[in-house]
PDB file of N, CA and C in Angstrom:
ATOM      1  N   MET A   1       0.806  -1.198   0.000  1.00  0.00           N
ATOM      2  CA  MET A   1       0.000   0.000   0.000  1.00  0.00           C
ATOM      3  C   MET A   1       0.851   1.265   0.000  1.00  0.00           C
ATOM      4  N   SER A   2       2.115   1.132   0.348  1.00  0.00           N
ATOM      5  CA  SER A   2       2.955   2.336   0.359  1.00  0.00           C
ATOM      6  C   SER A   2       3.278   2.798  -1.054  1.00  0.00           C
ATOM      7  N   ILE A   3       3.060   1.959  -2.040  1.00  0.00           N
ATOM      8  CA  ILE A   3       3.308   2.356  -3.428  1.00  0.00           C
ATOM      9  C   ILE A   3       2.267   3.375  -3.873  1.00  0.00           C
ATOM     10  N   ILE A   4       1.064   3.288  -3.327  1.00  0.00           N
ATOM     11  CA  ILE A   4       0.028   4.272  -3.628  1.00  0.00           C
ATOM     12  C   ILE A   4       0.419   5.569  -2.928  1.00  0.00           C
ATOM     13  N   PRO A   5       0.522   6.674  -3.651  1.00  0.00           N
ATOM     14  CA  PRO A   5       1.052   7.903  -3.042  1.00  0.00           C
ATOM     15  C   PRO A   5       0.058   8.636  -2.145  1.00  0.00           C
ATOM     16  N   ILE A   6      -0.668   7.907  -1.313  1.00  0.00           N
ATOM     17  CA  ILE A   6      -1.553   8.512  -0.323  1.00  0.00           C
ATOM     18  C   ILE A   6      -0.893   8.307   1.035  1.00  0.00           C
ATOM     19  N   GLN A   7      -0.617   9.405   1.701  1.00  0.00           N
ATOM     20  CA  GLN A   7       0.117   9.323   2.958  1.00  0.00           C
ATOM     21  C   GLN A   7      -0.727   8.641   4.039  1.00  0.00           C
ATOM     22  N   PHE A   8      -0.077   7.816   4.837  1.00  0.00           N
ATOM     23  CA  PHE A   8      -0.628   7.104   5.984  1.00  0.00           C
ATOM     24  C   PHE A   8      -1.627   6.012   5.620  1.00  0.00           C
ATOM     25  N   LEU A   9      -1.751   5.631   4.372  1.00  0.00           N
ATOM     26  CA  LEU A   9      -2.623   4.534   3.975  1.00  0.00           C
ATOM     27  C   LEU A   9      -2.081   3.203   4.479  1.00  0.00           C
ATOM     28  N   TYR A  10      -0.783   3.093   4.565  1.00  0.00           N
ATOM     29  CA  TYR A  10      -0.125   1.871   5.018  1.00  0.00           C
ATOM     30  C   TYR A  10      -0.320   1.615   6.508  1.00  0.00           C
ATOM     31  N   LEU A  11      -0.837   2.584   7.239  1.00  0.00           N
ATOM     32  CA  LEU A  11      -1.105   2.380   8.665  1.00  0.00           C
ATOM     33  C   LEU A  11      -2.293   1.457   8.904  1.00  0.00           C
ATOM     34  N   LEU A  12      -3.008   1.124   7.852  1.00  0.00           N
ATOM     35  CA  LEU A  12      -4.096   0.161   7.983  1.00  0.00           C
ATOM     36  C   LEU A  12      -3.570  -1.194   8.429  1.00  0.00           C
ATOM     37  N   ASN A  13      -2.286  -1.488   8.146  1.00  0.00           N
ATOM     38  CA  ASN A  13      -1.667  -2.727   8.624  1.00  0.00           C
ATOM     39  C   ASN A  13      -1.615  -2.789  10.142  1.00  0.00           C
ATOM     40  N   ILE A  14      -1.619  -1.668  10.803  1.00  0.00           N
ATOM     41  CA  ILE A  14      -1.609  -1.624  12.268  1.00  0.00           C
ATOM     42  C   ILE A  14      -3.033  -1.482  12.804  1.00  0.00           C
ATOM     43  N   ILE A  15      -3.798  -0.610  12.204  1.00  0.00           N
ATOM     44  CA  ILE A  15      -5.113  -0.262  12.732  1.00  0.00           C
ATOM     45  C   ILE A  15      -6.096  -1.426  12.671  1.00  0.00           C
ATOM     46  N   ILE A  16      -6.187  -2.106  11.544  1.00  0.00           N
ATOM     47  CA  ILE A  16      -7.185  -3.167  11.392  1.00  0.00           C
ATOM     48  C   ILE A  16      -6.919  -4.350  12.320  1.00  0.00           C
ATOM     49  N   PRO A  17      -5.708  -4.940  12.365  1.00  0.00           N
ATOM     50  CA  PRO A  17      -5.514  -6.049  13.306  1.00  0.00           C
ATOM     51  C   PRO A  17      -5.678  -5.631  14.768  1.00  0.00           C
ATOM     52  N   SER A  18      -5.249  -4.423  15.109  1.00  0.00           N
ATOM     53  CA  SER A  18      -5.405  -3.955  16.486  1.00  0.00           C
ATOM     54  C   SER A  18      -6.875  -3.812  16.855  1.00  0.00           C
ATOM     55  N   ALA A  19      -7.656  -3.278  15.945  1.00  0.00           N
ATOM     56  CA  ALA A  19      -9.084  -3.117  16.209  1.00  0.00           C
ATOM     57  C   ALA A  19      -9.784  -4.470  16.330  1.00  0.00           C
ATOM     58  N   ILE A  20      -9.443  -5.403  15.450  1.00  0.00           N
ATOM     59  CA  ILE A  20     -10.067  -6.724  15.495  1.00  0.00           C
ATOM     60  C   ILE A  20      -9.718  -7.449  16.786  1.00  0.00           C
ATOM     61  N   ILE A  21      -8.467  -7.401  17.173  1.00  0.00           N
ATOM     62  CA  ILE A  21      -8.063  -8.064  18.422  1.00  0.00           C
ATOM     63  C   ILE A  21      -8.695  -7.364  19.621  1.00  0.00           C
ATOM     64  N   GLY A  22      -8.785  -6.055  19.601  1.00  0.00           N
ATOM     65  CA  GLY A  22      -9.443  -5.330  20.688  1.00  0.00           C
ATOM     66  C   GLY A  22     -10.913  -5.685  20.808  1.00  0.00           C
ATOM     67  N   ILE A  23     -11.595  -5.812  19.680  1.00  0.00           N
ATOM     68  CA  ILE A  23     -13.000  -6.215  19.698  1.00  0.00           C
ATOM     69  C   ILE A  23     -13.143  -7.633  20.230  1.00  0.00           C
ATOM     70  N   ALA A  24     -12.259  -8.530  19.791  1.00  0.00           N
ATOM     71  CA  ALA A  24     -12.309  -9.916  20.273  1.00  0.00           C
ATOM     72  C   ALA A  24     -12.064  -9.982  21.775  1.00  0.00           C
ATOM     73  N   PHE A  25     -11.093  -9.222  22.275  1.00  0.00           N
ATOM     74  CA  PHE A  25     -10.843  -9.188  23.719  1.00  0.00           C
ATOM     75  C   PHE A  25     -12.061  -8.644  24.466  1.00  0.00           C
ATOM     76  N   GLY A  26     -12.687  -7.622  23.924  1.00  0.00           N
ATOM     77  CA  GLY A  26     -13.874  -7.053  24.554  1.00  0.00           C
ATOM     78  C   GLY A  26     -15.018  -8.048  24.625  1.00  0.00           C
ATOM     79  N   ILE A  27     -15.228  -8.795  23.555  1.00  0.00           N
ATOM     80  CA  ILE A  27     -16.297  -9.806  23.547  1.00  0.00           C
ATOM     81  C   ILE A  27     -15.998 -10.904  24.560  1.00  0.00           C
ATOM     82  N   ILE A  28     -14.755 -11.368  24.570  1.00  0.00           N
ATOM     83  CA  ILE A  28     -14.384 -12.428  25.514  1.00  0.00           C
ATOM     84  C   ILE A  28     -14.544 -11.953  26.957  1.00  0.00           C
ATOM     85  N   LEU A  29     -14.151 -10.712  27.235  1.00  0.00           N
ATOM     86  CA  LEU A  29     -14.291 -10.174  28.595  1.00  0.00           C
ATOM     87  C   LEU A  29     -15.755  -9.991  28.987  1.00  0.00           C
ATOM     88  N   GLU A  30     -16.614  -9.677  28.029  1.00  0.00           N
ATOM     89  CA  GLU A  30     -18.040  -9.525  28.319  1.00  0.00           C
ATOM     90  C   GLU A  30     -18.691 -10.864  28.628  1.00  0.00           C
ATOM     91  N   VAL A  31     -18.297 -11.905  27.903  1.00  0.00           N
ATOM     92  CA  VAL A  31     -18.899 -13.224  28.093  1.00  0.00           C
ATOM     93  C   VAL A  31     -18.497 -13.818  29.440  1.00  0.00           C
ATOM     94  N   ASP A  32     -17.205 -13.832  29.717  1.00  0.00           N
ATOM     95  CA  ASP A  32     -16.717 -14.399  30.973  1.00  0.00           C
ATOM     96  C   ASP A  32     -15.462 -13.626  31.371  1.00  0.00           C
ATOM     97  N   ALA A  33     -15.560 -12.863  32.449  1.00  0.00           N
ATOM     98  CA  ALA A  33     -14.466 -11.971  32.844  1.00  0.00           C
ATOM     99  C   ALA A  33     -13.216 -12.745  33.249  1.00  0.00           C
ATOM    100  N   VAL A  34     -13.377 -13.840  33.983  1.00  0.00           N
ATOM    101  CA  VAL A  34     -12.208 -14.605  34.443  1.00  0.00           C
ATOM    102  C   VAL A  34     -11.517 -15.269  33.264  1.00  0.00           C
ATOM    103  N   LYS A  35     -12.290 -15.949  32.434  1.00  0.00           N
ATOM    104  CA  LYS A  35     -11.717 -16.602  31.254  1.00  0.00           C
ATOM    105  C   LYS A  35     -11.141 -15.556  30.294  1.00  0.00           C
ATOM    106  N   GLY A  36     -11.817 -14.421  30.205  1.00  0.00           N
ATOM    107  CA  GLY A  36     -11.344 -13.348  29.344  1.00  0.00           C
ATOM    108  C   GLY A  36      -9.998 -12.803  29.780  1.00  0.00           C
ATOM    109  N   MET A  37      -9.821 -12.647  31.089  1.00  0.00           N
ATOM    110  CA  MET A  37      -8.528 -12.177  31.590  1.00  0.00           C
ATOM    111  C   MET A  37      -7.437 -13.209  31.338  1.00  0.00           C
ATOM    112  N   GLN A  38      -7.774 -14.481  31.442  1.00  0.00           N
ATOM    113  CA  GLN A  38      -6.802 -15.534  31.153  1.00  0.00           C
ATOM    114  C   GLN A  38      -6.378 -15.479  29.690  1.00  0.00           C
ATOM    115  N   VAL A  39      -7.342 -15.330  28.808  1.00  0.00           N
ATOM    116  CA  VAL A  39      -7.029 -15.234  27.378  1.00  0.00           C
ATOM    117  C   VAL A  39      -6.239 -13.965  27.094  1.00  0.00           C
ATOM    118  N   LEU A  40      -6.635 -12.872  27.701  1.00  0.00           N
ATOM    119  CA  LEU A  40      -5.965 -11.589  27.479  1.00  0.00           C
ATOM    120  C   LEU A  40      -4.506 -11.645  27.914  1.00  0.00           C
ATOM    121  N   VAL A  41      -4.251 -12.144  29.117  1.00  0.00           N
ATOM    122  CA  VAL A  41      -2.884 -12.198  29.634  1.00  0.00           C
ATOM    123  C   VAL A  41      -2.047 -13.219  28.863  1.00  0.00           C
ATOM    124  N   SER A  42      -2.645 -14.329  28.463  1.00  0.00           N
ATOM    125  CA  SER A  42      -1.869 -15.346  27.753  1.00  0.00           C
ATOM    126  C   SER A  42      -1.509 -14.917  26.329  1.00  0.00           C
ATOM    127  N   SER A  43      -2.328 -14.076  25.721  1.00  0.00           N
ATOM    128  CA  SER A  43      -2.020 -13.651  24.356  1.00  0.00           C
ATOM    129  C   SER A  43      -1.310 -12.305  24.287  1.00  0.00           C
ATOM    130  N   MET A  44      -1.112 -11.639  25.389  1.00  0.00           N
ATOM    131  CA  MET A  44      -0.485 -10.318  25.389  1.00  0.00           C
ATOM    132  C   MET A  44       0.970 -10.312  24.890  1.00  0.00           C
ATOM    133  N   PRO A  45       1.828 -11.274  25.257  1.00  0.00           N
ATOM    134  CA  PRO A  45       3.207 -11.219  24.728  1.00  0.00           C
ATOM    135  C   PRO A  45       3.260 -11.276  23.197  1.00  0.00           C
ATOM    136  N   TYR A  46       2.451 -12.145  22.629  1.00  0.00           N
ATOM    137  CA  TYR A  46       2.393 -12.242  21.162  1.00  0.00           C
ATOM    138  C   TYR A  46       1.912 -10.933  20.562  1.00  0.00           C
ATOM    139  N   TYR A  47       0.856 -10.390  21.136  1.00  0.00           N
ATOM    140  CA  TYR A  47       0.248  -9.186  20.601  1.00  0.00           C
ATOM    141  C   TYR A  47       1.210  -8.003  20.634  1.00  0.00           C
ATOM    142  N   ILE A  48       1.951  -7.857  21.718  1.00  0.00           N
ATOM    143  CA  ILE A  48       2.901  -6.742  21.847  1.00  0.00           C
ATOM    144  C   ILE A  48       4.011  -6.857  20.799  1.00  0.00           C
ATOM    145  N   VAL A  49       4.568  -8.048  20.631  1.00  0.00           N
ATOM    146  CA  VAL A  49       5.648  -8.240  19.653  1.00  0.00           C
ATOM    147  C   VAL A  49       5.134  -8.019  18.233  1.00  0.00           C
ATOM    148  N   GLU A  50       3.938  -8.523  17.938  1.00  0.00           N
ATOM    149  CA  GLU A  50       3.402  -8.380  16.586  1.00  0.00           C
ATOM    150  C   GLU A  50       3.096  -6.919  16.256  1.00  0.00           C
ATOM    151  N   VAL A  51       2.481  -6.197  17.160  1.00  0.00           N
ATOM    152  CA  VAL A  51       2.151  -4.796  16.893  1.00  0.00           C
ATOM    153  C   VAL A  51       3.429  -3.962  16.780  1.00  0.00           C
ATOM    154  N   PHE A  52       4.442  -4.271  17.587  1.00  0.00           N
ATOM    155  CA  PHE A  52       5.708  -3.548  17.465  1.00  0.00           C
ATOM    156  C   PHE A  52       6.349  -3.806  16.097  1.00  0.00           C
ATOM    157  N   ALA A  53       6.280  -5.053  15.615  1.00  0.00           N
ATOM    158  CA  ALA A  53       6.812  -5.364  14.283  1.00  0.00           C
ATOM    159  C   ALA A  53       6.025  -4.621  13.207  1.00  0.00           C
ATOM    160  N   PHE A  54       4.705  -4.535  13.362  1.00  0.00           N
ATOM    161  CA  PHE A  54       3.895  -3.783  12.403  1.00  0.00           C
ATOM    162  C   PHE A  54       4.247  -2.301  12.431  1.00  0.00           C
ATOM    163  N   CYS A  55       4.562  -1.773  13.601  1.00  0.00           N
ATOM    164  CA  CYS A  55       4.954  -0.365  13.701  1.00  0.00           C
ATOM    165  C   CYS A  55       6.280  -0.102  12.991  1.00  0.00           C
ATOM    166  N   LEU A  56       7.235  -1.005  13.157  1.00  0.00           N
ATOM    167  CA  LEU A  56       8.505  -0.867  12.427  1.00  0.00           C
ATOM    168  C   LEU A  56       8.279  -0.973  10.918  1.00  0.00           C
ATOM    169  N   PHE A  57       7.402  -1.867  10.529  1.00  0.00           N
ATOM    170  CA  PHE A  57       7.083  -2.028   9.117  1.00  0.00           C
ATOM    171  C   PHE A  57       6.430  -0.756   8.568  1.00  0.00           C
ATOM    172  N   ALA A  58       5.569  -0.138   9.358  1.00  0.00           N
ATOM    173  CA  ALA A  58       4.932   1.113   8.931  1.00  0.00           C
ATOM    174  C   ALA A  58       5.968   2.227   8.783  1.00  0.00           C
ATOM    175  N   ALA A  59       7.000   2.224   9.637  1.00  0.00           N
ATOM    176  CA  ALA A  59       8.055   3.227   9.515  1.00  0.00           C
ATOM    177  C   ALA A  59       8.820   3.055   8.204  1.00  0.00           C
ATOM    178  N   ILE A  60       9.077   1.816   7.826  1.00  0.00           N
ATOM    179  CA  ILE A  60       9.752   1.559   6.547  1.00  0.00           C
ATOM    180  C   ILE A  60       8.861   1.976   5.386  1.00  0.00           C
ATOM    181  N   LEU A  61       7.582   1.623   5.480  1.00  0.00           N
ATOM    182  CA  LEU A  61       6.656   1.983   4.408  1.00  0.00           C
ATOM    183  C   LEU A  61       6.473   3.494   4.310  1.00  0.00           C
ATOM    184  N   TYR A  62       6.594   4.195   5.427  1.00  0.00           N
ATOM    185  CA  TYR A  62       6.531   5.656   5.396  1.00  0.00           C
ATOM    186  C   TYR A  62       7.673   6.214   4.554  1.00  0.00           C
ATOM    187  N   GLU A  63       8.859   5.676   4.762  1.00  0.00           N
ATOM    188  CA  GLU A  63      10.014   6.143   3.985  1.00  0.00           C
ATOM    189  C   GLU A  63       9.819   5.874   2.486  1.00  0.00           C
ATOM    190  N   LEU A  64       9.329   4.698   2.147  1.00  0.00           N
ATOM    191  CA  LEU A  64       9.092   4.387   0.733  1.00  0.00           C
ATOM    192  C   LEU A  64       8.000   5.279   0.155  1.00  0.00           C
ATOM    193  N   ASN A  65       6.950   5.516   0.914  1.00  0.00           N
ATOM    194  CA  ASN A  65       5.868   6.367   0.453  1.00  0.00           C
ATOM    195  C   ASN A  65       6.352   7.793   0.250  1.00  0.00           C
ATOM    196  N   GLN A  66       7.190   8.265   1.160  1.00  0.00           N
ATOM    197  CA  GLN A  66       7.753   9.609   1.038  1.00  0.00           C
ATOM    198  C   GLN A  66       8.607   9.704  -0.226  1.00  0.00           C
ATOM    199  N   PHE A  67       9.381   8.665  -0.512  1.00  0.00           N
ATOM    200  CA  PHE A  67      10.208   8.640  -1.721  1.00  0.00           C
ATOM    201  C   PHE A  67       9.339   8.708  -2.968  1.00  0.00           C
ATOM    202  N   ILE A  68       8.259   7.945  -2.998  1.00  0.00           N
ATOM    203  CA  ILE A  68       7.382   7.929  -4.171  1.00  0.00           C
ATOM    204  C   ILE A  68       6.713   9.283  -4.368  1.00  0.00           C
ATOM    205  N   ARG A  69       6.302   9.914  -3.269  1.00  0.00           N
ATOM    206  CA  ARG A  69       5.695  11.238  -3.394  1.00  0.00           C
ATOM    207  C   ARG A  69       6.710  12.270  -3.884  1.00  0.00           C
ATOM    208  N   ILE A  70       7.974  12.153  -3.466  1.00  0.00           N
ATOM    209  CA  ILE A  70       9.023  13.059  -3.957  1.00  0.00           C
ATOM    210  C   ILE A  70       9.238  12.852  -5.450  1.00  0.00           C
ATOM    211  N   LYS A  71       9.232  11.588  -5.883  1.00  0.00           N
ATOM    212  CA  LYS A  71       9.388  11.306  -7.314  1.00  0.00           C
ATOM    213  C   LYS A  71       8.242  11.907  -8.131  1.00  0.00           C
ATOM    214  N   ILE A  72       7.022  11.824  -7.595  1.00  0.00           N
ATOM    215  CA  ILE A  72       5.877  12.406  -8.302  1.00  0.00           C
ATOM    216  C   ILE A  72       5.991  13.928  -8.331  1.00  0.00           C
ATOM    217  N   LYS A  73       6.433  14.540  -7.241  1.00  0.00           N
ATOM    218  CA  LYS A  73       6.625  15.994  -7.210  1.00  0.00           C
ATOM    219  C   LYS A  73       7.711  16.422  -8.182  1.00  0.00           C
ATOM    220  N   ASN A  74       8.740  15.590  -8.367  1.00  0.00           N
ATOM    221  CA  ASN A  74       9.831  15.918  -9.279  1.00  0.00           C
ATOM    222  C   ASN A  74       9.368  16.014 -10.727  1.00  0.00           C
ATOM    223  N   ILE A  75       8.288  15.350 -11.050  1.00  0.00           N
ATOM    224  CA  ILE A  75       7.770  15.430 -12.416  1.00  0.00           C
ATOM    225  C   ILE A  75       7.361  16.863 -12.739  1.00  0.00           C
ATOM    226  N   PHE A  76       6.832  17.579 -11.755  1.00  0.00           N
ATOM    227  CA  PHE A  76       6.300  18.915 -11.981  1.00  0.00           C
ATOM    228  C   PHE A  76       7.249  20.035 -11.556  1.00  0.00           C
ATOM    229  N   LYS A  77       8.419  19.716 -11.003  1.00  0.00           N
ATOM    230  CA  LYS A  77       9.351  20.739 -10.542  1.00  0.00           C
ATOM    231  C   LYS A  77      10.457  20.964 -11.559  1.00  0.00           C
ATOM    232  N   LYS A  78      11.026  22.175 -11.514  1.00  0.00           N
ATOM    233  CA  LYS A  78      12.151  22.484 -12.386  1.00  0.00           C
ATOM    234  C   LYS A  78      13.455  21.952 -11.804  1.00  0.00           C
ATOM    235  N   ASN A  79      13.701  22.239 -10.521  1.00  0.00           N
ATOM    236  CA  ASN A  79      14.921  21.746  -9.881  1.00  0.00           C
ATOM    237  C   ASN A  79      14.581  20.428  -9.163  1.00  0.00           C
ATOM    238  N   LYS A  80      14.996  19.351  -9.771  1.00  0.00           N
ATOM    239  CA  LYS A  80      14.615  18.017  -9.306  1.00  0.00           C
ATOM    240  C   LYS A  80      15.602  17.491  -8.277  1.00  0.00           C
ATOM    241  N   VAL A  81      15.068  16.721  -7.343  1.00  0.00           N
ATOM    242  CA  VAL A  81      15.876  16.101  -6.301  1.00  0.00           C
ATOM    243  C   VAL A  81      16.252  14.700  -6.773  1.00  0.00           C
ATOM    244  N   LYS A  82      17.548  14.403  -6.718  1.00  0.00           N
ATOM    245  CA  LYS A  82      18.021  13.085  -7.155  1.00  0.00           C
ATOM    246  C   LYS A  82      17.982  12.111  -5.977  1.00  0.00           C
ATOM    247  N   ILE A  83      17.178  11.080  -6.111  1.00  0.00           N
ATOM    248  CA  ILE A  83      17.079  10.032  -5.094  1.00  0.00           C
ATOM    249  C   ILE A  83      17.044   8.696  -5.825  1.00  0.00           C
ATOM    250  N   SER A  84      17.763   7.731  -5.296  1.00  0.00           N
ATOM    251  CA  SER A  84      17.824   6.422  -5.923  1.00  0.00           C
ATOM    252  C   SER A  84      16.787   5.483  -5.306  1.00  0.00           C
ATOM    253  N   PHE A  85      15.862   5.005  -6.139  1.00  0.00           N
ATOM    254  CA  PHE A  85      14.852   4.056  -5.667  1.00  0.00           C
ATOM    255  C   PHE A  85      15.489   2.725  -5.307  1.00  0.00           C
ATOM    256  N   LYS A  86      16.537   2.357  -6.034  1.00  0.00           N
ATOM    257  CA  LYS A  86      17.212   1.088  -5.771  1.00  0.00           C
ATOM    258  C   LYS A  86      17.803   1.066  -4.365  1.00  0.00           C
ATOM    259  N   ASN A  87      18.482   2.145  -3.973  1.00  0.00           N
ATOM    260  CA  ASN A  87      19.076   2.207  -2.633  1.00  0.00           C
ATOM    261  C   ASN A  87      18.009   2.190  -1.544  1.00  0.00           C
ATOM    262  N   ARG A  88      16.950   2.958  -1.734  1.00  0.00           N
ATOM    263  CA  ARG A  88      15.875   3.014  -0.729  1.00  0.00           C
ATOM    264  C   ARG A  88      15.187   1.661  -0.588  1.00  0.00           C
ATOM    265  N   SER A  89      14.906   1.013  -1.701  1.00  0.00           N
ATOM    266  CA  SER A  89      14.204  -0.268  -1.630  1.00  0.00           C
ATOM    267  C   SER A  89      15.099  -1.361  -1.052  1.00  0.00           C
ATOM    268  N   LEU A  90      16.379  -1.350  -1.392  1.00  0.00           N
ATOM    269  CA  LEU A  90      17.294  -2.335  -0.812  1.00  0.00           C
ATOM    270  C   LEU A  90      17.448  -2.128   0.698  1.00  0.00           C
ATOM    271  N   GLU A  91      17.485  -0.883   1.130  1.00  0.00           N
ATOM    272  CA  GLU A  91      17.560  -0.590   2.563  1.00  0.00           C
ATOM    273  C   GLU A  91      16.291  -1.059   3.276  1.00  0.00           C
ATOM    274  N   ALA A  92      15.152  -0.856   2.646  1.00  0.00           N
ATOM    275  CA  ALA A  92      13.887  -1.297   3.240  1.00  0.00           C
ATOM    276  C   ALA A  92      13.825  -2.815   3.337  1.00  0.00           C
ATOM    277  N   VAL A  93      14.268  -3.493   2.296  1.00  0.00           N
ATOM    278  CA  VAL A  93      14.269  -4.959   2.319  1.00  0.00           C
ATOM    279  C   VAL A  93      15.234  -5.468   3.384  1.00  0.00           C
ATOM    280  N   LYS A  94      16.393  -4.825   3.507  1.00  0.00           N
ATOM    281  CA  LYS A  94      17.373  -5.236   4.515  1.00  0.00           C
ATOM    282  C   LYS A  94      16.811  -5.098   5.929  1.00  0.00           C
ATOM    283  N   ILE A  95      16.157  -3.975   6.208  1.00  0.00           N
ATOM    284  CA  ILE A  95      15.554  -3.775   7.531  1.00  0.00           C
ATOM    285  C   ILE A  95      14.435  -4.776   7.766  1.00  0.00           C
ATOM    286  N   TYR A  96      13.654  -5.047   6.730  1.00  0.00           N
ATOM    287  CA  TYR A  96      12.566  -6.018   6.854  1.00  0.00           C
ATOM    288  C   TYR A  96      13.110  -7.405   7.188  1.00  0.00           C
ATOM    289  N   VAL A  97      14.142  -7.827   6.482  1.00  0.00           N
ATOM    290  CA  VAL A  97      14.689  -9.167   6.692  1.00  0.00           C
ATOM    291  C   VAL A  97      15.422  -9.273   8.027  1.00  0.00           C
ATOM    292  N   LEU A  98      16.134  -8.229   8.420  1.00  0.00           N
ATOM    293  CA  LEU A  98      16.923  -8.292   9.651  1.00  0.00           C
ATOM    294  C   LEU A  98      16.115  -8.074  10.926  1.00  0.00           C
ATOM    295  N   PHE A  99      15.062  -7.274  10.867  1.00  0.00           N
ATOM    296  CA  PHE A  99      14.343  -6.926  12.088  1.00  0.00           C
ATOM    297  C   PHE A  99      12.892  -7.413  12.106  1.00  0.00           C
ATOM    298  N   ILE A 100      12.142  -7.074  11.084  1.00  0.00           N
ATOM    299  CA  ILE A 100      10.704  -7.310  11.118  1.00  0.00           C
ATOM    300  C   ILE A 100      10.359  -8.780  10.941  1.00  0.00           C
ATOM    301  N   LEU A 101      10.962  -9.431   9.976  1.00  0.00           N
ATOM    302  CA  LEU A 101      10.671 -10.846   9.752  1.00  0.00           C
ATOM    303  C   LEU A 101      11.007 -11.709  10.962  1.00  0.00           C
ATOM    304  N   PRO A 102      12.178 -11.542  11.612  1.00  0.00           N
ATOM    305  CA  PRO A 102      12.424 -12.319  12.832  1.00  0.00           C
ATOM    306  C   PRO A 102      11.417 -12.010  13.953  1.00  0.00           C
ATOM    307  N   MET A 103      11.005 -10.742  14.062  1.00  0.00           N
ATOM    308  CA  MET A 103      10.013 -10.417  15.083  1.00  0.00           C
ATOM    309  C   MET A 103       8.675 -11.081  14.799  1.00  0.00           C
ATOM    310  N   MET A 104       8.303 -11.164  13.540  1.00  0.00           N
ATOM    311  CA  MET A 104       7.045 -11.840  13.196  1.00  0.00           C
ATOM    312  C   MET A 104       7.148 -13.343  13.451  1.00  0.00           C
ATOM    313  N   ILE A 105       8.310 -13.921  13.216  1.00  0.00           N
ATOM    314  CA  ILE A 105       8.510 -15.344  13.508  1.00  0.00           C
ATOM    315  C   ILE A 105       8.447 -15.578  15.018  1.00  0.00           C
ATOM    316  N   ILE A 106       9.077 -14.691  15.776  1.00  0.00           N
ATOM    317  CA  ILE A 106       9.016 -14.801  17.240  1.00  0.00           C
ATOM    318  C   ILE A 106       7.570 -14.649  17.715  1.00  0.00           C
ATOM    319  N   ALA A 107       6.831 -13.711  17.121  1.00  0.00           N
ATOM    320  CA  ALA A 107       5.423 -13.531  17.495  1.00  0.00           C
ATOM    321  C   ALA A 107       4.610 -14.784  17.174  1.00  0.00           C
ATOM    322  N   ALA A 108       4.916 -15.447  16.074  1.00  0.00           N
ATOM    323  CA  ALA A 108       4.201 -16.682  15.732  1.00  0.00           C
ATOM    324  C   ALA A 108       4.481 -17.768  16.755  1.00  0.00           C
ATOM    325  N   PHE A 109       5.735 -17.898  17.177  1.00  0.00           N
ATOM    326  CA  PHE A 109       6.060 -18.885  18.208  1.00  0.00           C
ATOM    327  C   PHE A 109       5.409 -18.530  19.545  1.00  0.00           C
ATOM    328  N   LEU A 110       5.384 -17.239  19.878  1.00  0.00           N
ATOM    329  CA  LEU A 110       4.730 -16.820  21.111  1.00  0.00           C
ATOM    330  C   LEU A 110       3.238 -17.134  21.065  1.00  0.00           C
ATOM    331  N   GLU A 111       2.626 -16.908  19.914  1.00  0.00           N
ATOM    332  CA  GLU A 111       1.202 -17.189  19.770  1.00  0.00           C
ATOM    333  C   GLU A 111       0.921 -18.685  19.866  1.00  0.00           C
ATOM    334  N   THR A 112       1.779 -19.481  19.264  1.00  0.00           N
ATOM    335  CA  THR A 112       1.546 -20.913  19.214  1.00  0.00           C
ATOM    336  C   THR A 112       1.884 -21.598  20.525  1.00  0.00           C
ATOM    337  N   TYR A 113       3.025 -21.304  21.090  1.00  0.00           N
ATOM    338  CA  TYR A 113       3.508 -22.071  22.236  1.00  0.00           C
ATOM    339  C   TYR A 113       3.312 -21.350  23.572  1.00  0.00           C
ATOM    340  N   LEU A 114       3.765 -20.123  23.684  1.00  0.00           N
ATOM    341  CA  LEU A 114       3.713 -19.431  24.965  1.00  0.00           C
ATOM    342  C   LEU A 114       2.274 -19.146  25.396  1.00  0.00           C
ATOM    343  N   ALA A 115       1.412 -18.792  24.453  1.00  0.00           N
ATOM    344  CA  ALA A 115       0.017 -18.536  24.808  1.00  0.00           C
ATOM    345  C   ALA A 115      -0.638 -19.791  25.373  1.00  0.00           C
ATOM    346  N   GLU A 116      -0.352 -20.944  24.785  1.00  0.00           N
ATOM    347  CA  GLU A 116      -0.893 -22.211  25.298  1.00  0.00           C
ATOM    348  C   GLU A 116      -0.362 -22.513  26.696  1.00  0.00           C
ATOM    349  N   ILE A 117       0.927 -22.292  26.889  1.00  0.00           N
ATOM    350  CA  ILE A 117       1.539 -22.560  28.202  1.00  0.00           C
ATOM    351  C   ILE A 117       0.944 -21.637  29.264  1.00  0.00           C
ATOM    352  N   LEU A 118       0.821 -20.353  28.948  1.00  0.00           N
ATOM    353  CA  LEU A 118       0.257 -19.413  29.917  1.00  0.00           C
ATOM    354  C   LEU A 118      -1.215 -19.708  30.196  1.00  0.00           C
ATOM    355  N   PHE A 119      -1.971 -20.050  29.162  1.00  0.00           N
ATOM    356  CA  PHE A 119      -3.387 -20.348  29.357  1.00  0.00           C
ATOM    357  C   PHE A 119      -3.562 -21.603  30.214  1.00  0.00           C
ATOM    358  N   ALA A 120      -2.744 -22.620  29.976  1.00  0.00           N
ATOM    359  CA  ALA A 120      -2.794 -23.836  30.783  1.00  0.00           C
ATOM    360  C   ALA A 120      -2.366 -23.528  32.224  1.00  0.00           C
ATOM    361  N   PHE A 121      -1.409 -22.646  32.385  1.00  0.00           N
ATOM    362  CA  PHE A 121      -0.969 -22.242  33.726  1.00  0.00           C
ATOM    363  C   PHE A 121      -2.099 -21.585  34.505  1.00  0.00           C
ATOM    364  N   PHE A 122      -2.834 -20.687  33.840  1.00  0.00           N
ATOM    365  CA  PHE A 122      -3.934 -20.006  34.510  1.00  0.00           C
ATOM    366  C   PHE A 122      -5.114 -20.932  34.803  1.00  0.00           C
ATOM    367  N   ASN A 123      -5.285 -21.955  33.987  1.00  0.00           N
ATOM    368  CA  ASN A 123      -6.360 -22.928  34.225  1.00  0.00           C
ATOM    369  C   ASN A 123      -5.977 -23.960  35.265  1.00  0.00           C
ATOM    370  N   GLY A 124      -4.715 -23.991  35.644  1.00  0.00           N
ATOM    371  CA  GLY A 124      -4.251 -24.941  36.668  1.00  0.00           C
ATOM    372  C   GLY A 124      -4.035 -26.336  36.137  1.00  0.00           C
ATOM    373  N   LYS A 125      -3.759 -26.448  34.854  1.00  0.00           N
ATOM    374  CA  LYS A 125      -3.531 -27.775  34.260  1.00  0.00           C
ATOM    375  C   LYS A 125      -2.060 -28.089  34.175  1.00  0.00           C
TER     376      LYS A 125
END
């Protein structure tokens, strides 16, 4: 979505999953407060890591979006700013592979294993 030159459109990657998880937590807490707190606490480590990774990803997409908007502005300007898309995109891919992808993998393991362990701990099993 950062390729589309509309600023902050890429923040939907953060807003939509956060809203859906917040609604799900609210429903679970309304149905059964004790069970809801168990689910909330057991899934919180995964949720924090995943949202932080999405925030870093949004920062990278902001830079790419800013670059694309500068390129579009350069079409209509006399004194053009020289920026290399290759360098910006390679830097974005490098940050994605080194930081965001490992965080998403860690979040997947936290969701799969740690959430089950914490939920079983709270249930006394």
